Amino acid sequence: MGVGVCPGGRDSGGVLAFAIGRYLARGPVCRRLRLHPHFQALDRAVTRSGFKIVLLTRLSPMLPFNLLNYAYGVTQVSLKHYLMGSLGMVPGTIMYVYLGALVGDVATLGSQSDLPPQARLLQGLLHTLGLGATAVVSLIISRCAQHTLQQTVPPTLTATKP
């Protein structure tokens, strides 16, 4: 069995990347980034609001989790806040699991000859409604997370360079 999600919602690959960032890369990376105000501002924000920042970035599908795992290891966020904030991956995971189950059900839909046509139609309708509801909830959560993240992260990080 490969690296994946462990019981309790912790991503073991993510924790390994966090540990690499924290214990192997932090010194060299911090020495290079010490003069960059954006990194310093992000590090201060994560230090102040670690759980909230990690949670919000996990809720946003626009940010790559793999890169964030290493990046959080380089910041001063505590392992506890990193792990708790990583629970923000749950809504997206639920959506992907639902999509996988839906694809499997659709693939076998035509082979269920024992179901009457009305039942198959109802089943298809329920799957469509479930998919729509899952997508809408995921979109709402994602937009709320990005909006809150924009308000939480210091303006120096969101400003564009001239």
C-alpha atoms as a PDB file:
ATOM      1  CA  MET A   1       0.000   0.000   0.000  1.00  0.00           C
ATOM      2  CA  GLY A   2       1.422   3.369  -1.043  1.00  0.00           C
ATOM      3  CA  VAL A   3       1.538   6.718   0.639  1.00  0.00           C
ATOM      4  CA  GLY A   4      -1.950   8.116   1.004  1.00  0.00           C
ATOM      5  CA  VAL A   5      -4.525   9.319   3.410  1.00  0.00           C
ATOM      6  CA  CYS A   6      -4.129   7.835   6.875  1.00  0.00           C
ATOM      7  CA  PRO A   7      -6.866   7.324   9.451  1.00  0.00           C
ATOM      8  CA  GLY A   8      -7.854  10.607  11.027  1.00  0.00           C
ATOM      9  CA  GLY A   9      -7.617  12.513   7.751  1.00  0.00           C
ATOM     10  CA  ARG A  10      -3.845  12.977   7.785  1.00  0.00           C
ATOM     11  CA  ASP A  11      -2.032  12.721   4.486  1.00  0.00           C
ATOM     12  CA  SER A  12       1.159  10.776   5.202  1.00  0.00           C
ATOM     13  CA  GLY A  13       2.847  11.973   1.989  1.00  0.00           C
ATOM     14  CA  GLY A  14       1.995  15.537   2.930  1.00  0.00           C
ATOM     15  CA  VAL A  15       3.410  15.089   6.420  1.00  0.00           C
ATOM     16  CA  LEU A  16       6.602  13.670   4.907  1.00  0.00           C
ATOM     17  CA  ALA A  17       6.896  16.687   2.581  1.00  0.00           C
ATOM     18  CA  PHE A  18       6.217  18.988   5.550  1.00  0.00           C
ATOM     19  CA  ALA A  19       8.988  17.245   7.524  1.00  0.00           C
ATOM     20  CA  ILE A  20      11.415  17.572   4.601  1.00  0.00           C
ATOM     21  CA  GLY A  21      10.605  21.261   4.374  1.00  0.00           C
ATOM     22  CA  ARG A  22      10.929  21.699   8.134  1.00  0.00           C
ATOM     23  CA  TYR A  23      14.035  19.665   8.891  1.00  0.00           C
ATOM     24  CA  LEU A  24      16.049  19.456   5.670  1.00  0.00           C
ATOM     25  CA  ALA A  25      15.187  22.576   3.678  1.00  0.00           C
ATOM     26  CA  ARG A  26      14.237  25.246   6.211  1.00  0.00           C
ATOM     27  CA  GLY A  27      17.764  26.476   6.917  1.00  0.00           C
ATOM     28  CA  PRO A  28      18.959  26.801   3.305  1.00  0.00           C
ATOM     29  CA  VAL A  29      15.620  28.131   2.042  1.00  0.00           C
ATOM     30  CA  CYS A  30      15.272  30.684   4.831  1.00  0.00           C
ATOM     31  CA  ARG A  31      18.809  31.945   4.218  1.00  0.00           C
ATOM     32  CA  ARG A  32      17.907  32.568   0.566  1.00  0.00           C
ATOM     33  CA  LEU A  33      14.454  34.006   1.232  1.00  0.00           C
ATOM     34  CA  ARG A  34      15.414  36.131   4.235  1.00  0.00           C
ATOM     35  CA  LEU A  35      15.607  39.254   2.078  1.00  0.00           C
ATOM     36  CA  HIS A  36      12.293  38.665   0.297  1.00  0.00           C
ATOM     37  CA  PRO A  37       9.508  40.673   1.983  1.00  0.00           C
ATOM     38  CA  HIS A  38       6.770  38.446   0.518  1.00  0.00           C
ATOM     39  CA  PHE A  39       8.171  35.355   2.206  1.00  0.00           C
ATOM     40  CA  GLN A  40       8.653  37.188   5.486  1.00  0.00           C
ATOM     41  CA  ALA A  41       5.060  38.465   5.387  1.00  0.00           C
ATOM     42  CA  LEU A  42       3.728  34.995   4.613  1.00  0.00           C
ATOM     43  CA  ASP A  43       5.798  33.476   7.397  1.00  0.00           C
ATOM     44  CA  ARG A  44       4.451  36.055   9.882  1.00  0.00           C
ATOM     45  CA  ALA A  45       0.857  35.435   8.718  1.00  0.00           C
ATOM     46  CA  VAL A  46       1.252  31.678   9.083  1.00  0.00           C
ATOM     47  CA  THR A  47       2.868  32.104  12.476  1.00  0.00           C
ATOM     48  CA  ARG A  48      -0.058  34.263  13.677  1.00  0.00           C
ATOM     49  CA  SER A  49      -2.904  32.315  12.069  1.00  0.00           C
ATOM     50  CA  GLY A  50      -1.390  28.957  11.153  1.00  0.00           C
ATOM     51  CA  PHE A  51      -4.479  26.776  11.475  1.00  0.00           C
ATOM     52  CA  LYS A  52      -6.696  29.253   9.637  1.00  0.00           C
ATOM     53  CA  ILE A  53      -4.235  29.804   6.770  1.00  0.00           C
ATOM     54  CA  VAL A  54      -3.603  26.073   6.307  1.00  0.00           C
ATOM     55  CA  LEU A  55      -7.333  25.298   6.444  1.00  0.00           C
ATOM     56  CA  LEU A  56      -8.212  27.992   3.911  1.00  0.00           C
ATOM     57  CA  THR A  57      -5.479  26.975   1.474  1.00  0.00           C
ATOM     58  CA  ARG A  58      -6.628  23.348   1.743  1.00  0.00           C
ATOM     59  CA  LEU A  59     -10.182  24.400   0.905  1.00  0.00           C
ATOM     60  CA  SER A  60      -9.016  26.231  -2.214  1.00  0.00           C
ATOM     61  CA  PRO A  61      -8.463  23.971  -5.233  1.00  0.00           C
ATOM     62  CA  MET A  62      -6.407  26.705  -6.905  1.00  0.00           C
ATOM     63  CA  LEU A  63      -3.373  26.080  -4.700  1.00  0.00           C
ATOM     64  CA  PRO A  64      -1.234  22.972  -5.310  1.00  0.00           C
ATOM     65  CA  PHE A  65      -1.223  20.786  -2.189  1.00  0.00           C
ATOM     66  CA  ASN A  66       2.154  19.196  -2.978  1.00  0.00           C
ATOM     67  CA  LEU A  67       3.930  22.545  -3.104  1.00  0.00           C
ATOM     68  CA  LEU A  68       2.088  23.778  -0.020  1.00  0.00           C
ATOM     69  CA  ASN A  69       3.248  20.746   1.987  1.00  0.00           C
ATOM     70  CA  TYR A  70       6.889  21.710   1.465  1.00  0.00           C
ATOM     71  CA  ALA A  71       6.173  25.438   1.854  1.00  0.00           C
ATOM     72  CA  TYR A  72       4.447  25.001   5.206  1.00  0.00           C
ATOM     73  CA  GLY A  73       7.453  23.032   6.424  1.00  0.00           C
ATOM     74  CA  VAL A  74       9.631  26.035   5.668  1.00  0.00           C
ATOM     75  CA  THR A  75       7.334  28.425   7.550  1.00  0.00           C
ATOM     76  CA  GLN A  76       6.876  28.532  11.310  1.00  0.00           C
ATOM     77  CA  VAL A  77       3.438  26.892  11.316  1.00  0.00           C
ATOM     78  CA  SER A  78       3.239  24.218  14.005  1.00  0.00           C
ATOM     79  CA  LEU A  79       2.788  20.576  13.035  1.00  0.00           C
ATOM     80  CA  LYS A  80      -0.430  20.555  15.084  1.00  0.00           C
ATOM     81  CA  HIS A  81      -1.917  23.473  13.108  1.00  0.00           C
ATOM     82  CA  TYR A  82      -0.683  21.960   9.839  1.00  0.00           C
ATOM     83  CA  LEU A  83      -2.407  18.641  10.576  1.00  0.00           C
ATOM     84  CA  MET A  84      -5.629  20.216  11.846  1.00  0.00           C
ATOM     85  CA  GLY A  85      -5.769  22.660   8.929  1.00  0.00           C
ATOM     86  CA  SER A  86      -5.231  19.825   6.476  1.00  0.00           C
ATOM     87  CA  LEU A  87      -8.727  18.625   7.319  1.00  0.00           C
ATOM     88  CA  GLY A  88      -9.724  21.279   4.796  1.00  0.00           C
ATOM     89  CA  MET A  89      -8.982  18.652   2.140  1.00  0.00           C
ATOM     90  CA  VAL A  90     -12.065  16.668   3.208  1.00  0.00           C
ATOM     91  CA  PRO A  91     -14.697  18.518   1.113  1.00  0.00           C
ATOM     92  CA  GLY A  92     -12.652  18.157  -2.074  1.00  0.00           C
ATOM     93  CA  THR A  93     -11.957  14.517  -1.300  1.00  0.00           C
ATOM     94  CA  ILE A  94     -15.667  13.868  -0.812  1.00  0.00           C
ATOM     95  CA  MET A  95     -16.364  15.465  -4.176  1.00  0.00           C
ATOM     96  CA  TYR A  96     -13.761  13.330  -5.963  1.00  0.00           C
ATOM     97  CA  VAL A  97     -14.995  10.143  -4.272  1.00  0.00           C
ATOM     98  CA  TYR A  98     -18.556  10.985  -5.251  1.00  0.00           C
ATOM     99  CA  LEU A  99     -17.486  11.618  -8.846  1.00  0.00           C
ATOM    100  CA  GLY A 100     -15.691   8.267  -8.940  1.00  0.00           C
ATOM    101  CA  ALA A 101     -18.715   6.442  -7.550  1.00  0.00           C
ATOM    102  CA  LEU A 102     -20.962   8.263 -10.005  1.00  0.00           C
ATOM    103  CA  VAL A 103     -18.820   7.253 -12.968  1.00  0.00           C
ATOM    104  CA  GLY A 104     -18.913   3.646 -11.769  1.00  0.00           C
ATOM    105  CA  ASP A 105     -22.687   3.747 -11.397  1.00  0.00           C
ATOM    106  CA  VAL A 106     -23.155   5.337 -14.815  1.00  0.00           C
ATOM    107  CA  ALA A 107     -20.945   2.670 -16.365  1.00  0.00           C
ATOM    108  CA  THR A 108     -23.148  -0.099 -14.953  1.00  0.00           C
ATOM    109  CA  LEU A 109     -26.438   1.736 -15.495  1.00  0.00           C
ATOM    110  CA  GLY A 110     -27.193   0.100 -18.852  1.00  0.00           C
ATOM    111  CA  SER A 111     -26.427  -3.375 -17.545  1.00  0.00           C
ATOM    112  CA  GLN A 112     -29.006  -3.227 -14.758  1.00  0.00           C
ATOM    113  CA  SER A 113     -31.789  -4.887 -16.715  1.00  0.00           C
ATOM    114  CA  ASP A 114     -33.517  -6.038 -13.524  1.00  0.00           C
ATOM    115  CA  LEU A 115     -34.512  -2.437 -12.708  1.00  0.00           C
ATOM    116  CA  PRO A 116     -37.665  -1.050 -14.293  1.00  0.00           C
ATOM    117  CA  PRO A 117     -37.138   1.988 -16.574  1.00  0.00           C
ATOM    118  CA  GLN A 118     -38.723   4.341 -14.016  1.00  0.00           C
ATOM    119  CA  ALA A 119     -36.279   3.215 -11.335  1.00  0.00           C
ATOM    120  CA  ARG A 120     -33.318   3.697 -13.676  1.00  0.00           C
ATOM    121  CA  LEU A 121     -34.590   7.166 -14.565  1.00  0.00           C
ATOM    122  CA  LEU A 122     -35.009   8.039 -10.881  1.00  0.00           C
ATOM    123  CA  GLN A 123     -31.542   6.692 -10.131  1.00  0.00           C
ATOM    124  CA  GLY A 124     -30.067   8.813 -12.923  1.00  0.00           C
ATOM    125  CA  LEU A 125     -31.937  11.873 -11.688  1.00  0.00           C
ATOM    126  CA  LEU A 126     -30.703  11.348  -8.122  1.00  0.00           C
ATOM    127  CA  HIS A 127     -27.120  10.953  -9.341  1.00  0.00           C
ATOM    128  CA  THR A 128     -27.417  14.146 -11.369  1.00  0.00           C
ATOM    129  CA  LEU A 129     -28.874  16.066  -8.421  1.00  0.00           C
ATOM    130  CA  GLY A 130     -26.173  14.685  -6.125  1.00  0.00           C
ATOM    131  CA  LEU A 131     -23.446  15.676  -8.565  1.00  0.00           C
ATOM    132  CA  GLY A 132     -24.909  19.153  -8.932  1.00  0.00           C
ATOM    133  CA  ALA A 133     -25.233  19.622  -5.175  1.00  0.00           C
ATOM    134  CA  THR A 134     -21.682  18.377  -4.598  1.00  0.00           C
ATOM    135  CA  ALA A 135     -20.303  20.720  -7.250  1.00  0.00           C
ATOM    136  CA  VAL A 136     -22.240  23.722  -5.905  1.00  0.00           C
ATOM    137  CA  VAL A 137     -21.167  23.091  -2.304  1.00  0.00           C
ATOM    138  CA  SER A 138     -17.539  22.614  -3.386  1.00  0.00           C
ATOM    139  CA  LEU A 139     -17.649  25.830  -5.411  1.00  0.00           C
ATOM    140  CA  ILE A 140     -19.184  27.809  -2.530  1.00  0.00           C
ATOM    141  CA  ILE A 141     -16.633  26.476  -0.036  1.00  0.00           C
ATOM    142  CA  SER A 142     -13.792  27.217  -2.450  1.00  0.00           C
ATOM    143  CA  ARG A 143     -14.941  30.787  -3.134  1.00  0.00           C
ATOM    144  CA  CYS A 144     -15.474  31.505   0.565  1.00  0.00           C
ATOM    145  CA  ALA A 145     -12.023  30.134   1.363  1.00  0.00           C
ATOM    146  CA  GLN A 146     -10.350  32.232  -1.322  1.00  0.00           C
ATOM    147  CA  HIS A 147     -12.216  35.366  -0.224  1.00  0.00           C
ATOM    148  CA  THR A 148     -11.265  34.830   3.423  1.00  0.00           C
ATOM    149  CA  LEU A 149      -7.685  33.979   2.472  1.00  0.00           C
ATOM    150  CA  GLN A 150      -7.388  37.234   0.520  1.00  0.00           C
ATOM    151  CA  GLN A 151      -8.544  39.088   3.632  1.00  0.00           C
ATOM    152  CA  THR A 152      -6.210  37.143   5.941  1.00  0.00           C
ATOM    153  CA  VAL A 153      -2.939  37.247   4.009  1.00  0.00           C
ATOM    154  CA  PRO A 154      -1.111  40.577   4.240  1.00  0.00           C
ATOM    155  CA  PRO A 155      -1.645  42.936   1.273  1.00  0.00           C
ATOM    156  CA  THR A 156       2.056  42.787   0.401  1.00  0.00           C
ATOM    157  CA  LEU A 157       1.543  39.176  -0.699  1.00  0.00           C
ATOM    158  CA  THR A 158      -1.363  39.925  -3.005  1.00  0.00           C
ATOM    159  CA  ALA A 159       0.094  43.071  -4.578  1.00  0.00           C
ATOM    160  CA  THR A 160       1.395  42.693  -8.114  1.00  0.00           C
ATOM    161  CA  LYS A 161       4.901  43.682  -9.048  1.00  0.00           C
ATOM    162  CA  PRO A 162       5.271  46.723 -11.357  1.00  0.00           C
END
